[in-house]
Protein backbone atom coordinates (compact mmCIF):
# COMPACT_ATOMS: atom_id res chain seq x y z
CA MET A 1 3.71 42.75 -160.24
CA ASN A 2 6.73 45.01 -159.88
CA PRO A 3 10.27 43.66 -159.28
CA PHE A 4 10.31 44.63 -155.58
CA GLU A 5 7.18 42.57 -154.87
CA MET A 6 8.67 39.67 -156.79
CA VAL A 7 11.87 39.73 -154.69
CA VAL A 8 9.86 39.86 -151.44
CA LEU A 9 7.71 36.95 -152.63
CA ILE A 10 10.79 34.86 -153.52
CA VAL A 11 12.41 35.58 -150.15
CA ALA A 12 9.19 34.66 -148.33
CA ILE A 13 8.93 31.37 -150.25
CA VAL A 14 12.55 30.50 -149.44
CA VAL A 15 12.09 31.32 -145.74
CA VAL A 16 8.90 29.26 -145.48
CA GLY A 17 10.63 26.38 -147.29
CA ARG A 18 13.58 26.46 -144.90
CA ILE A 19 11.28 26.50 -141.88
CA MET A 20 9.36 23.50 -143.17
CA GLN A 21 12.60 21.69 -143.94
CA SER A 22 13.94 22.33 -140.42
CA ARG A 23 10.71 21.15 -138.81
CA GLY A 24 10.84 17.97 -140.86
CA ARG A 25 14.42 17.27 -139.77
CA PHE A 26 13.52 17.88 -136.14
CA ARG A 27 10.59 15.48 -136.31
CA HIS A 28 12.80 12.75 -137.68
CA ARG A 29 15.58 13.37 -135.18
CA GLY A 30 13.43 14.52 -132.26
CA PRO A 31 13.64 11.45 -130.02
CA GLU A 32 17.42 11.26 -130.43
CA ILE A 33 17.87 14.88 -129.45
CA LEU A 34 15.51 14.72 -126.49
CA ASP A 35 16.82 11.40 -125.17
CA VAL A 36 18.15 12.20 -121.69
CA THR A 37 18.41 8.70 -120.29
CA PRO A 38 21.84 8.20 -118.75
CA ARG A 39 24.13 5.79 -120.53
CA ALA A 40 26.45 3.37 -118.74
CA GLU A 41 29.58 5.39 -119.58
CA ASP A 42 27.86 8.57 -118.35
CA GLU A 43 27.07 6.92 -115.02
CA GLY A 44 30.69 5.83 -114.66
CA GLU A 45 31.90 9.32 -115.45
CA THR A 46 29.43 10.80 -112.97
CA ARG A 47 30.59 8.43 -110.26
CA ARG A 48 34.24 9.27 -110.97
CA LEU A 49 33.55 13.01 -110.85
CA ARG A 50 31.65 12.68 -107.56
CA ASP A 51 34.57 10.77 -106.05
CA GLU A 52 36.95 13.46 -107.24
CA VAL A 53 34.79 16.22 -105.72
CA THR A 54 34.70 14.32 -102.42
CA GLN A 55 38.50 14.01 -102.42
CA LEU A 56 38.90 17.71 -103.21
CA LYS A 57 36.55 18.66 -100.37
CA GLN A 58 38.62 16.53 -97.98
CA ARG A 59 41.80 18.21 -99.16
CA ILE A 60 40.25 21.63 -98.62
CA GLN A 61 39.30 20.67 -95.07
CA VAL A 62 42.88 19.59 -94.38
CA LEU A 63 44.26 22.83 -95.82
CA GLU A 64 41.81 24.89 -93.76
CA ARG A 65 42.81 23.01 -90.62
CA ILE A 66 46.51 23.59 -91.37
CA ALA A 67 45.90 27.29 -91.99
CA VAL A 68 44.00 27.67 -88.72
CA GLU A 69 46.58 25.70 -86.72
CA LYS A 70 49.42 27.81 -88.08
CA GLU A 71 47.51 30.97 -87.28
CA ASN A 72 46.98 29.85 -83.69
CA SER A 73 50.58 28.69 -83.29
CA LEU A 74 51.83 32.00 -84.67
CA ALA A 75 49.67 33.89 -82.19
CA ARG A 76 51.03 31.74 -79.37
CA GLU A 77 54.62 32.38 -80.42
CA ILE A 78 53.99 36.12 -80.51
CA ASP A 79 52.46 35.99 -77.03
CA GLN A 80 55.47 34.02 -75.75
CA LEU A 81 57.84 36.62 -77.17
CA ARG A 82 55.91 39.39 -75.46
CA ASP A 83 56.14 37.61 -72.11
CA ARG A 84 59.97 37.53 -72.22
């Protein structure tokens, strides 16, 4: 066996060993990683974020209404100036 083949064989053994080691770790930690059940603190955080989004949507609606009202009032003022 020449040195090049020996190096390739050693690298292949190391790679296979690392793959087996990673698979073993995943099997032991698998349920923890894949656990997607919501926790109590996550539900509280979700509720808080939904309330915040609702408040922000309401604020946007108010700002849109103000912008539209000002636009209409500005148009009315311009029309009144033209009529003079």
